[in-house]
Amino acid sequence: MKRDMWVFLFCLGLVFFCGPFLNIFHNSLTYYLFIIWIVFIGLIFLASTFSDRDEGGS
């Protein structure tokens, strides 16, 4: 389950940072990149928090 979550986040990152999405938002590329970057930081934080709970870590 944990590995699937990390693979999903990686694939989602590839999709949102690839050429077609960057071309769609070329007028507001700076805002798009900052928003997507902040969303990914939040998703990685949540994924790491939930993976720590599954392991029984502190």
PDB file of N, CA and C in Angstrom:
ATOM      1  N   MET A   1       0.825  -1.200   0.000  1.00  0.00           N
ATOM      2  CA  MET A   1       0.000   0.000   0.000  1.00  0.00           C
ATOM      3  C   MET A   1       0.864   1.256   0.000  1.00  0.00           C
ATOM      4  N   LYS A   2       1.906   1.259   0.830  1.00  0.00           N
ATOM      5  CA  LYS A   2       2.758   2.449   0.895  1.00  0.00           C
ATOM      6  C   LYS A   2       3.474   2.691  -0.427  1.00  0.00           C
ATOM      7  N   ARG A   3       3.978   1.608  -1.012  1.00  0.00           N
ATOM      8  CA  ARG A   3       4.696   1.757  -2.263  1.00  0.00           C
ATOM      9  C   ARG A   3       3.764   2.225  -3.374  1.00  0.00           C
ATOM     10  N   ASP A   4       2.541   1.735  -3.373  1.00  0.00           N
ATOM     11  CA  ASP A   4       1.567   2.162  -4.375  1.00  0.00           C
ATOM     12  C   ASP A   4       1.281   3.658  -4.275  1.00  0.00           C
ATOM     13  N   MET A   5       1.227   4.162  -3.050  1.00  0.00           N
ATOM     14  CA  MET A   5       0.960   5.578  -2.846  1.00  0.00           C
ATOM     15  C   MET A   5       2.105   6.424  -3.400  1.00  0.00           C
ATOM     16  N   TRP A   6       3.350   6.000  -3.170  1.00  0.00           N
ATOM     17  CA  TRP A   6       4.495   6.755  -3.667  1.00  0.00           C
ATOM     18  C   TRP A   6       4.590   6.690  -5.188  1.00  0.00           C
ATOM     19  N   VAL A   7       4.275   5.544  -5.752  1.00  0.00           N
ATOM     20  CA  VAL A   7       4.281   5.415  -7.214  1.00  0.00           C
ATOM     21  C   VAL A   7       3.194   6.290  -7.821  1.00  0.00           C
ATOM     22  N   PHE A   8       2.033   6.329  -7.184  1.00  0.00           N
ATOM     23  CA  PHE A   8       0.952   7.188  -7.661  1.00  0.00           C
ATOM     24  C   PHE A   8       1.359   8.654  -7.617  1.00  0.00           C
ATOM     25  N   LEU A   9       1.984   9.099  -6.531  1.00  0.00           N
ATOM     26  CA  LEU A   9       2.428  10.493  -6.439  1.00  0.00           C
ATOM     27  C   LEU A   9       3.484  10.807  -7.498  1.00  0.00           C
ATOM     28  N   PHE A  10       4.376   9.866  -7.753  1.00  0.00           N
ATOM     29  CA  PHE A  10       5.389  10.074  -8.783  1.00  0.00           C
ATOM     30  C   PHE A  10       4.745  10.229 -10.159  1.00  0.00           C
ATOM     31  N   CYS A  11       3.815   9.342 -10.479  1.00  0.00           N
ATOM     32  CA  CYS A  11       3.129   9.410 -11.779  1.00  0.00           C
ATOM     33  C   CYS A  11       2.294  10.679 -11.904  1.00  0.00           C
ATOM     34  N   LEU A  12       1.666  11.087 -10.823  1.00  0.00           N
ATOM     35  CA  LEU A  12       0.894  12.329 -10.834  1.00  0.00           C
ATOM     36  C   LEU A  12       1.809  13.524 -11.095  1.00  0.00           C
ATOM     37  N   GLY A  13       2.987  13.509 -10.491  1.00  0.00           N
ATOM     38  CA  GLY A  13       3.964  14.564 -10.742  1.00  0.00           C
ATOM     39  C   GLY A  13       4.421  14.589 -12.187  1.00  0.00           C
ATOM     40  N   LEU A  14       4.641  13.418 -12.763  1.00  0.00           N
ATOM     41  CA  LEU A  14       5.028  13.367 -14.169  1.00  0.00           C
ATOM     42  C   LEU A  14       3.946  13.951 -15.066  1.00  0.00           C
ATOM     43  N   VAL A  15       2.702  13.652 -14.742  1.00  0.00           N
ATOM     44  CA  VAL A  15       1.598  14.150 -15.563  1.00  0.00           C
ATOM     45  C   VAL A  15       1.481  15.668 -15.452  1.00  0.00           C
ATOM     46  N   PHE A  16       1.538  16.201 -14.230  1.00  0.00           N
ATOM     47  CA  PHE A  16       1.309  17.639 -14.058  1.00  0.00           C
ATOM     48  C   PHE A  16       2.496  18.506 -14.437  1.00  0.00           C
ATOM     49  N   PHE A  17       3.692  17.925 -14.497  1.00  0.00           N
ATOM     50  CA  PHE A  17       4.856  18.714 -14.881  1.00  0.00           C
ATOM     51  C   PHE A  17       5.356  18.393 -16.282  1.00  0.00           C
ATOM     52  N   CYS A  18       4.566  17.677 -17.085  1.00  0.00           N
ATOM     53  CA  CYS A  18       4.975  17.376 -18.460  1.00  0.00           C
ATOM     54  C   CYS A  18       4.517  18.491 -19.403  1.00  0.00           C
ATOM     55  N   GLY A  19       4.966  18.400 -20.615  1.00  0.00           N
ATOM     56  CA  GLY A  19       4.740  19.449 -21.604  1.00  0.00           C
ATOM     57  C   GLY A  19       3.311  19.860 -21.867  1.00  0.00           C
ATOM     58  N   PRO A  20       2.374  18.913 -22.086  1.00  0.00           N
ATOM     59  CA  PRO A  20       1.017  19.344 -22.427  1.00  0.00           C
ATOM     60  C   PRO A  20       0.352  20.206 -21.348  1.00  0.00           C
ATOM     61  N   PHE A  21       0.519  19.864 -20.082  1.00  0.00           N
ATOM     62  CA  PHE A  21      -0.074  20.694 -19.037  1.00  0.00           C
ATOM     63  C   PHE A  21       0.620  22.043 -18.941  1.00  0.00           C
ATOM     64  N   LEU A  22       1.922  22.061 -19.140  1.00  0.00           N
ATOM     65  CA  LEU A  22       2.633  23.342 -19.110  1.00  0.00           C
ATOM     66  C   LEU A  22       2.222  24.218 -20.284  1.00  0.00           C
ATOM     67  N   ASN A  23       1.910  23.608 -21.430  1.00  0.00           N
ATOM     68  CA  ASN A  23       1.447  24.386 -22.574  1.00  0.00           C
ATOM     69  C   ASN A  23       0.029  24.918 -22.372  1.00  0.00           C
ATOM     70  N   ILE A  24      -0.795  24.175 -21.655  1.00  0.00           N
ATOM     71  CA  ILE A  24      -2.160  24.641 -21.380  1.00  0.00           C
ATOM     72  C   ILE A  24      -2.126  25.912 -20.543  1.00  0.00           C
ATOM     73  N   PHE A  25      -1.233  25.950 -19.565  1.00  0.00           N
ATOM     74  CA  PHE A  25      -1.169  27.083 -18.635  1.00  0.00           C
ATOM     75  C   PHE A  25      -0.015  28.023 -18.961  1.00  0.00           C
ATOM     76  N   HIS A  26       0.321  28.182 -20.230  1.00  0.00           N
ATOM     77  CA  HIS A  26       1.471  29.007 -20.586  1.00  0.00           C
ATOM     78  C   HIS A  26       1.279  30.481 -20.242  1.00  0.00           C
ATOM     79  N   ASN A  27       0.051  30.964 -20.176  1.00  0.00           N
ATOM     80  CA  ASN A  27      -0.179  32.373 -19.826  1.00  0.00           C
ATOM     81  C   ASN A  27       0.068  32.634 -18.350  1.00  0.00           C
ATOM     82  N   SER A  28      -0.259  31.678 -17.509  1.00  0.00           N
ATOM     83  CA  SER A  28      -0.069  31.842 -16.068  1.00  0.00           C
ATOM     84  C   SER A  28       0.813  30.714 -15.531  1.00  0.00           C
ATOM     85  N   LEU A  29       1.925  30.477 -16.211  1.00  0.00           N
ATOM     86  CA  LEU A  29       2.798  29.356 -15.880  1.00  0.00           C
ATOM     87  C   LEU A  29       3.397  29.494 -14.486  1.00  0.00           C
ATOM     88  N   THR A  30       3.750  30.682 -14.086  1.00  0.00           N
ATOM     89  CA  THR A  30       4.344  30.888 -12.758  1.00  0.00           C
ATOM     90  C   THR A  30       3.364  30.502 -11.670  1.00  0.00           C
ATOM     91  N   TYR A  31       2.131  30.951 -11.771  1.00  0.00           N
ATOM     92  CA  TYR A  31       1.120  30.609 -10.772  1.00  0.00           C
ATOM     93  C   TYR A  31       0.844  29.114 -10.760  1.00  0.00           C
ATOM     94  N   TYR A  32       0.771  28.510 -11.937  1.00  0.00           N
ATOM     95  CA  TYR A  32       0.525  27.070 -12.041  1.00  0.00           C
ATOM     96  C   TYR A  32       1.629  26.287 -11.343  1.00  0.00           C
ATOM     97  N   LEU A  33       2.881  26.640 -11.626  1.00  0.00           N
ATOM     98  CA  LEU A  33       3.996  25.906 -11.028  1.00  0.00           C
ATOM     99  C   LEU A  33       4.023  26.046  -9.515  1.00  0.00           C
ATOM    100  N   PHE A  34       3.796  27.256  -8.999  1.00  0.00           N
ATOM    101  CA  PHE A  34       3.796  27.441  -7.547  1.00  0.00           C
ATOM    102  C   PHE A  34       2.649  26.695  -6.880  1.00  0.00           C
ATOM    103  N   ILE A  35       1.472  26.728  -7.473  1.00  0.00           N
ATOM    104  CA  ILE A  35       0.314  26.042  -6.883  1.00  0.00           C
ATOM    105  C   ILE A  35       0.512  24.535  -6.904  1.00  0.00           C
ATOM    106  N   ILE A  36       0.947  23.994  -8.028  1.00  0.00           N
ATOM    107  CA  ILE A  36       1.168  22.550  -8.127  1.00  0.00           C
ATOM    108  C   ILE A  36       2.288  22.123  -7.184  1.00  0.00           C
ATOM    109  N   TRP A  37       3.343  22.922  -7.070  1.00  0.00           N
ATOM    110  CA  TRP A  37       4.441  22.588  -6.171  1.00  0.00           C
ATOM    111  C   TRP A  37       3.962  22.539  -4.718  1.00  0.00           C
ATOM    112  N   ILE A  38       3.159  23.511  -4.301  1.00  0.00           N
ATOM    113  CA  ILE A  38       2.623  23.534  -2.933  1.00  0.00           C
ATOM    114  C   ILE A  38       1.694  22.341  -2.706  1.00  0.00           C
ATOM    115  N   VAL A  39       0.876  22.006  -3.695  1.00  0.00           N
ATOM    116  CA  VAL A  39      -0.011  20.842  -3.576  1.00  0.00           C
ATOM    117  C   VAL A  39       0.801  19.563  -3.416  1.00  0.00           C
ATOM    118  N   PHE A  40       1.877  19.422  -4.179  1.00  0.00           N
ATOM    119  CA  PHE A  40       2.707  18.227  -4.061  1.00  0.00           C
ATOM    120  C   PHE A  40       3.424  18.154  -2.721  1.00  0.00           C
ATOM    121  N   ILE A  41       3.864  19.271  -2.194  1.00  0.00           N
ATOM    122  CA  ILE A  41       4.470  19.268  -0.866  1.00  0.00           C
ATOM    123  C   ILE A  41       3.458  18.779   0.160  1.00  0.00           C
ATOM    124  N   GLY A  42       2.213  19.253   0.063  1.00  0.00           N
ATOM    125  CA  GLY A  42       1.161  18.801   0.971  1.00  0.00           C
ATOM    126  C   GLY A  42       0.845  17.325   0.816  1.00  0.00           C
ATOM    127  N   LEU A  43       0.789  16.846  -0.426  1.00  0.00           N
ATOM    128  CA  LEU A  43       0.512  15.432  -0.660  1.00  0.00           C
ATOM    129  C   LEU A  43       1.634  14.539  -0.147  1.00  0.00           C
ATOM    130  N   ILE A  44       2.874  14.965  -0.323  1.00  0.00           N
ATOM    131  CA  ILE A  44       4.004  14.190   0.183  1.00  0.00           C
ATOM    132  C   ILE A  44       3.999  14.183   1.703  1.00  0.00           C
ATOM    133  N   PHE A  45       3.655  15.301   2.314  1.00  0.00           N
ATOM    134  CA  PHE A  45       3.550  15.349   3.770  1.00  0.00           C
ATOM    135  C   PHE A  45       2.477  14.380   4.268  1.00  0.00           C
ATOM    136  N   LEU A  46       1.318  14.407   3.629  1.00  0.00           N
ATOM    137  CA  LEU A  46       0.248  13.489   4.033  1.00  0.00           C
ATOM    138  C   LEU A  46       0.634  12.035   3.807  1.00  0.00           C
ATOM    139  N   ALA A  47       1.287  11.747   2.698  1.00  0.00           N
ATOM    140  CA  ALA A  47       1.698  10.374   2.415  1.00  0.00           C
ATOM    141  C   ALA A  47       2.717   9.893   3.439  1.00  0.00           C
ATOM    142  N   SER A  48       3.661  10.746   3.794  1.00  0.00           N
ATOM    143  CA  SER A  48       4.661  10.328   4.776  1.00  0.00           C
ATOM    144  C   SER A  48       4.050  10.185   6.167  1.00  0.00           C
ATOM    145  N   THR A  49       3.072  11.010   6.500  1.00  0.00           N
ATOM    146  CA  THR A  49       2.400  10.908   7.793  1.00  0.00           C
ATOM    147  C   THR A  49       1.617   9.608   7.882  1.00  0.00           C
ATOM    148  N   PHE A  50       0.868   9.280   6.840  1.00  0.00           N
ATOM    149  CA  PHE A  50       0.092   8.062   6.866  1.00  0.00           C
ATOM    150  C   PHE A  50       0.957   6.808   6.788  1.00  0.00           C
ATOM    151  N   SER A  51       2.093   6.894   6.095  1.00  0.00           N
ATOM    152  CA  SER A  51       2.969   5.725   6.039  1.00  0.00           C
ATOM    153  C   SER A  51       3.648   5.491   7.390  1.00  0.00           C
ATOM    154  N   ASP A  52       3.929   6.548   8.158  1.00  0.00           N
ATOM    155  CA  ASP A  52       4.472   6.382   9.502  1.00  0.00           C
ATOM    156  C   ASP A  52       3.457   5.724  10.425  1.00  0.00           C
ATOM    157  N   ARG A  53       2.190   6.061  10.272  1.00  0.00           N
ATOM    158  CA  ARG A  53       1.147   5.462  11.105  1.00  0.00           C
ATOM    159  C   ARG A  53       0.991   3.980  10.808  1.00  0.00           C
ATOM    160  N   ASP A  54       1.101   3.617   9.535  1.00  0.00           N
ATOM    161  CA  ASP A  54       0.965   2.217   9.152  1.00  0.00           C
ATOM    162  C   ASP A  54       2.089   1.365   9.726  1.00  0.00           C
ATOM    163  N   GLU A  55       3.280   1.929   9.848  1.00  0.00           N
ATOM    164  CA  GLU A  55       4.410   1.186  10.365  1.00  0.00           C
ATOM    165  C   GLU A  55       4.408   1.108  11.884  1.00  0.00           C
ATOM    166  N   GLY A  56       3.626   1.954  12.524  1.00  0.00           N
ATOM    167  CA  GLY A  56       3.622   2.008  13.977  1.00  0.00           C
ATOM    168  C   GLY A  56       4.761   2.839  14.531  1.00  0.00           C
ATOM    169  N   GLY A  57       5.287   3.746  13.714  1.00  0.00           N
ATOM    170  CA  GLY A  57       6.391   4.604  14.141  1.00  0.00           C
ATOM    171  C   GLY A  57       5.927   5.666  15.108  1.00  0.00           C
ATOM    172  N   SER A  58       6.857   6.427  15.604  1.00  0.00           N
ATOM    173  CA  SER A  58       6.520   7.457  16.593  1.00  0.00           C
ATOM    174  C   SER A  58       5.929   8.688  15.954  1.00  0.00           C
TER     175      SER A  58
END
